[in-house]
């Protein structure tokens, strides 16, 4: 059974930290573009405050009592935009539409605001394609494999 809920207590916080660490380990292993590892470690240590204190949130997806995936969002620096961060689905839970479900939950949670994110098209081509299928469009060309995407209200 799937349960998606905000990180709101110590147990869900630890589960989210574990998923964020797995994501960080994957970033390191793939040498994904744009990863600021010291800042990411600080973010993980302060979950969910790194998002909640800024008006964002962290969602945790649990399947049959097993932490399966997470997604987070926070304001992107202006009153009109939010940034989606840290979408991660554990390998054992991939292929079930969980990433799409979490993105749609994040969009609902953010509400009628511009949503931005970046994704590495080299190491995350499926994520990039998923965001594009949900209406996100590139808005600022970058060099290399990093793509900036936005979804307008």
C-alpha atoms as a PDB file:
ATOM      1  CA  UNK A   1       0.000   0.000   0.000  1.00  0.00           C
ATOM      2  CA  UNK A   2       1.287   3.446  -0.989  1.00  0.00           C
ATOM      3  CA  UNK A   3       1.286   6.316   1.488  1.00  0.00           C
ATOM      4  CA  UNK A   4       2.597   9.785   0.583  1.00  0.00           C
ATOM      5  CA  UNK A   5       2.873  12.312   3.385  1.00  0.00           C
ATOM      6  CA  UNK A   6       4.964  15.308   4.436  1.00  0.00           C
ATOM      7  CA  UNK A   7       7.966  14.630   6.621  1.00  0.00           C
ATOM      8  CA  UNK A   8       6.527  15.628   9.986  1.00  0.00           C
ATOM      9  CA  UNK A   9       8.143  13.566  12.722  1.00  0.00           C
ATOM     10  CA  UNK A  10      11.471  12.052  13.714  1.00  0.00           C
ATOM     11  CA  UNK A  11      10.854   8.674  12.058  1.00  0.00           C
ATOM     12  CA  UNK A  12       9.813  10.133   8.709  1.00  0.00           C
ATOM     13  CA  UNK A  13      12.703  12.599   8.974  1.00  0.00           C
ATOM     14  CA  UNK A  14      15.197   9.759   9.367  1.00  0.00           C
ATOM     15  CA  UNK A  15      13.633   7.931   6.415  1.00  0.00           C
ATOM     16  CA  UNK A  16      13.877  11.053   4.249  1.00  0.00           C
ATOM     17  CA  UNK A  17      17.494  11.597   5.327  1.00  0.00           C
ATOM     18  CA  UNK A  18      18.274   8.029   4.288  1.00  0.00           C
ATOM     19  CA  UNK A  19      16.723   8.568   0.852  1.00  0.00           C
ATOM     20  CA  UNK A  20      18.489  11.913   0.403  1.00  0.00           C
ATOM     21  CA  UNK A  21      21.802  10.226   1.315  1.00  0.00           C
ATOM     22  CA  UNK A  22      21.212   7.494  -1.249  1.00  0.00           C
ATOM     23  CA  UNK A  23      20.520  10.222  -3.791  1.00  0.00           C
ATOM     24  CA  UNK A  24      23.723  12.049  -2.783  1.00  0.00           C
ATOM     25  CA  UNK A  25      25.709   8.813  -3.078  1.00  0.00           C
ATOM     26  CA  UNK A  26      24.260   8.285  -6.552  1.00  0.00           C
ATOM     27  CA  UNK A  27      25.203  11.862  -7.532  1.00  0.00           C
ATOM     28  CA  UNK A  28      28.764  11.255  -6.365  1.00  0.00           C
ATOM     29  CA  UNK A  29      28.970   7.914  -8.174  1.00  0.00           C
ATOM     30  CA  UNK A  30      27.721   9.392 -11.445  1.00  0.00           C
ATOM     31  CA  UNK A  31      29.622  12.662 -10.984  1.00  0.00           C
ATOM     32  CA  UNK A  32      26.397  14.406 -11.868  1.00  0.00           C
ATOM     33  CA  UNK A  33      26.709  18.034 -12.925  1.00  0.00           C
ATOM     34  CA  UNK A  34      26.049  20.776 -10.425  1.00  0.00           C
ATOM     35  CA  UNK A  35      26.227  18.717  -7.238  1.00  0.00           C
ATOM     36  CA  UNK A  36      27.472  20.832  -4.310  1.00  0.00           C
ATOM     37  CA  UNK A  37      28.227  17.996  -1.911  1.00  0.00           C
ATOM     38  CA  UNK A  38      29.050  19.952   1.293  1.00  0.00           C
ATOM     39  CA  UNK A  39      25.835  21.983   0.928  1.00  0.00           C
ATOM     40  CA  UNK A  40      23.901  18.780   0.230  1.00  0.00           C
ATOM     41  CA  UNK A  41      25.236  17.197   3.431  1.00  0.00           C
ATOM     42  CA  UNK A  42      24.128  20.261   5.425  1.00  0.00           C
ATOM     43  CA  UNK A  43      20.712  20.059   3.782  1.00  0.00           C
ATOM     44  CA  UNK A  44      20.352  16.387   4.689  1.00  0.00           C
ATOM     45  CA  UNK A  45      21.351  17.010   8.300  1.00  0.00           C
ATOM     46  CA  UNK A  46      18.702  19.712   8.661  1.00  0.00           C
ATOM     47  CA  UNK A  47      15.753  17.887   7.076  1.00  0.00           C
ATOM     48  CA  UNK A  48      12.930  18.822   6.849  1.00  0.00           C
ATOM     49  CA  UNK A  49      13.829  22.321   8.081  1.00  0.00           C
ATOM     50  CA  UNK A  50      15.952  22.998   4.986  1.00  0.00           C
ATOM     51  CA  UNK A  51      12.669  23.152   3.079  1.00  0.00           C
ATOM     52  CA  UNK A  52       9.855  23.669   5.591  1.00  0.00           C
ATOM     53  CA  UNK A  53      11.376  26.763   7.199  1.00  0.00           C
ATOM     54  CA  UNK A  54      11.514  28.413   3.788  1.00  0.00           C
ATOM     55  CA  UNK A  55       7.880  27.705   2.892  1.00  0.00           C
ATOM     56  CA  UNK A  56       8.524  24.440   1.106  1.00  0.00           C
ATOM     57  CA  UNK A  57       8.026  20.829   2.022  1.00  0.00           C
ATOM     58  CA  UNK A  58       9.454  17.319   1.813  1.00  0.00           C
ATOM     59  CA  UNK A  59       7.217  14.411   0.851  1.00  0.00           C
ATOM     60  CA  UNK A  60       8.024  10.831   1.700  1.00  0.00           C
ATOM     61  CA  UNK A  61       6.485   7.922  -0.196  1.00  0.00           C
ATOM     62  CA  UNK A  62       6.190   4.684   1.754  1.00  0.00           C
ATOM     63  CA  UNK A  63       5.137   1.385   0.201  1.00  0.00           C
ATOM     64  CA  UNK A  64       4.222  -1.455   2.550  1.00  0.00           C
ATOM     65  CA  UNK A  65       6.022   0.307   5.416  1.00  0.00           C
ATOM     66  CA  UNK A  66       9.234   0.697   3.365  1.00  0.00           C
ATOM     67  CA  UNK A  67      10.518   4.198   2.499  1.00  0.00           C
ATOM     68  CA  UNK A  68      10.439   4.164  -1.300  1.00  0.00           C
ATOM     69  CA  UNK A  69      10.866   7.706  -2.606  1.00  0.00           C
ATOM     70  CA  UNK A  70      10.999  11.397  -1.790  1.00  0.00           C
ATOM     71  CA  UNK A  71      10.650  14.821  -3.332  1.00  0.00           C
ATOM     72  CA  UNK A  72      11.135  18.307  -1.937  1.00  0.00           C
ATOM     73  CA  UNK A  73      10.424  21.888  -2.926  1.00  0.00           C
ATOM     74  CA  UNK A  74      11.185  25.385  -1.697  1.00  0.00           C
ATOM     75  CA  UNK A  75      10.901  28.977  -2.876  1.00  0.00           C
ATOM     76  CA  UNK A  76      13.292  29.651  -5.734  1.00  0.00           C
ATOM     77  CA  UNK A  77      14.305  33.152  -4.785  1.00  0.00           C
ATOM     78  CA  UNK A  78      11.308  35.193  -5.871  1.00  0.00           C
ATOM     79  CA  UNK A  79       7.712  35.328  -4.678  1.00  0.00           C
ATOM     80  CA  UNK A  80       6.430  33.694  -7.856  1.00  0.00           C
ATOM     81  CA  UNK A  81       8.633  30.608  -8.167  1.00  0.00           C
ATOM     82  CA  UNK A  82       9.274  27.345  -6.367  1.00  0.00           C
ATOM     83  CA  UNK A  83      12.058  24.874  -7.040  1.00  0.00           C
ATOM     84  CA  UNK A  84      11.589  21.102  -7.056  1.00  0.00           C
ATOM     85  CA  UNK A  85      14.564  19.255  -5.605  1.00  0.00           C
ATOM     86  CA  UNK A  86      15.695  15.767  -4.659  1.00  0.00           C
ATOM     87  CA  UNK A  87      13.233  13.576  -6.500  1.00  0.00           C
ATOM     88  CA  UNK A  88      14.568  10.106  -5.762  1.00  0.00           C
ATOM     89  CA  UNK A  89      13.018   6.661  -6.099  1.00  0.00           C
ATOM     90  CA  UNK A  90      14.850   3.673  -4.660  1.00  0.00           C
ATOM     91  CA  UNK A  91      15.774   1.183  -7.390  1.00  0.00           C
ATOM     92  CA  UNK A  92      13.488  -1.544  -6.001  1.00  0.00           C
ATOM     93  CA  UNK A  93      10.478   0.755  -6.437  1.00  0.00           C
ATOM     94  CA  UNK A  94      11.200   2.125  -9.911  1.00  0.00           C
ATOM     95  CA  UNK A  95       8.956   1.463 -12.885  1.00  0.00           C
ATOM     96  CA  UNK A  96       5.722   1.821 -10.911  1.00  0.00           C
ATOM     97  CA  UNK A  97       4.926   5.455 -11.715  1.00  0.00           C
ATOM     98  CA  UNK A  98       6.047   6.656  -8.314  1.00  0.00           C
ATOM     99  CA  UNK A  99       8.183   9.521  -9.652  1.00  0.00           C
ATOM    100  CA  UNK A 100       5.242  10.839 -11.705  1.00  0.00           C
ATOM    101  CA  UNK A 101       2.951  10.553  -8.677  1.00  0.00           C
ATOM    102  CA  UNK A 102       5.397  12.492  -6.483  1.00  0.00           C
ATOM    103  CA  UNK A 103       5.879  15.225  -9.085  1.00  0.00           C
ATOM    104  CA  UNK A 104       2.113  15.659  -9.376  1.00  0.00           C
ATOM    105  CA  UNK A 105       1.814  15.810  -5.566  1.00  0.00           C
ATOM    106  CA  UNK A 106       4.535  18.458  -5.488  1.00  0.00           C
ATOM    107  CA  UNK A 107       2.761  20.485  -8.186  1.00  0.00           C
ATOM    108  CA  UNK A 108      -0.453  20.327  -6.130  1.00  0.00           C
ATOM    109  CA  UNK A 109       1.407  21.304  -2.968  1.00  0.00           C
ATOM    110  CA  UNK A 110       3.102  24.247  -4.647  1.00  0.00           C
ATOM    111  CA  UNK A 111      -0.121  25.546  -6.141  1.00  0.00           C
ATOM    112  CA  UNK A 112      -0.424  28.237  -8.799  1.00  0.00           C
ATOM    113  CA  UNK A 113       3.220  29.277  -8.971  1.00  0.00           C
ATOM    114  CA  UNK A 114       5.977  28.966 -11.517  1.00  0.00           C
ATOM    115  CA  UNK A 115       7.954  25.780 -10.808  1.00  0.00           C
ATOM    116  CA  UNK A 116      11.596  25.424 -11.769  1.00  0.00           C
ATOM    117  CA  UNK A 117      14.157  22.643 -11.526  1.00  0.00           C
ATOM    118  CA  UNK A 118      17.355  21.495 -13.093  1.00  0.00           C
ATOM    119  CA  UNK A 119      18.162  18.056 -14.306  1.00  0.00           C
ATOM    120  CA  UNK A 120      21.232  16.435 -15.772  1.00  0.00           C
ATOM    121  CA  UNK A 121      20.223  15.095 -19.168  1.00  0.00           C
ATOM    122  CA  UNK A 122      23.304  12.874 -19.287  1.00  0.00           C
ATOM    123  CA  UNK A 123      22.776  10.949 -16.047  1.00  0.00           C
ATOM    124  CA  UNK A 124      19.017  11.547 -15.652  1.00  0.00           C
ATOM    125  CA  UNK A 125      17.502  11.197 -19.135  1.00  0.00           C
ATOM    126  CA  UNK A 126      14.379   9.408 -17.857  1.00  0.00           C
ATOM    127  CA  UNK A 127      13.736  12.114 -15.250  1.00  0.00           C
ATOM    128  CA  UNK A 128      14.232  14.799 -17.885  1.00  0.00           C
ATOM    129  CA  UNK A 129      11.775  13.056 -20.213  1.00  0.00           C
ATOM    130  CA  UNK A 130       9.259  12.621 -17.383  1.00  0.00           C
ATOM    131  CA  UNK A 131       9.342  16.312 -16.498  1.00  0.00           C
ATOM    132  CA  UNK A 132       8.961  17.217 -20.172  1.00  0.00           C
ATOM    133  CA  UNK A 133       5.962  14.867 -20.468  1.00  0.00           C
ATOM    134  CA  UNK A 134       4.310  16.744 -17.582  1.00  0.00           C
ATOM    135  CA  UNK A 135       4.589  20.094 -19.349  1.00  0.00           C
ATOM    136  CA  UNK A 136       7.955  21.378 -18.114  1.00  0.00           C
ATOM    137  CA  UNK A 137       9.923  23.285 -20.744  1.00  0.00           C
ATOM    138  CA  UNK A 138      13.532  24.418 -20.952  1.00  0.00           C
ATOM    139  CA  UNK A 139      13.800  28.093 -20.113  1.00  0.00           C
ATOM    140  CA  UNK A 140      17.487  28.905 -19.859  1.00  0.00           C
ATOM    141  CA  UNK A 141      19.960  27.170 -22.115  1.00  0.00           C
ATOM    142  CA  UNK A 142      23.079  25.954 -20.357  1.00  0.00           C
ATOM    143  CA  UNK A 143      26.273  24.494 -21.571  1.00  0.00           C
ATOM    144  CA  UNK A 144      26.854  20.833 -21.031  1.00  0.00           C
ATOM    145  CA  UNK A 145      24.252  18.373 -19.855  1.00  0.00           C
ATOM    146  CA  UNK A 146      22.417  20.416 -17.234  1.00  0.00           C
ATOM    147  CA  UNK A 147      18.951  21.616 -18.308  1.00  0.00           C
ATOM    148  CA  UNK A 148      16.801  24.205 -16.532  1.00  0.00           C
ATOM    149  CA  UNK A 149      13.105  23.408 -16.778  1.00  0.00           C
ATOM    150  CA  UNK A 150      10.016  25.374 -15.766  1.00  0.00           C
ATOM    151  CA  UNK A 151       6.306  24.782 -15.490  1.00  0.00           C
ATOM    152  CA  UNK A 152       4.126  27.875 -15.632  1.00  0.00           C
ATOM    153  CA  UNK A 153       0.766  28.157 -13.841  1.00  0.00           C
END
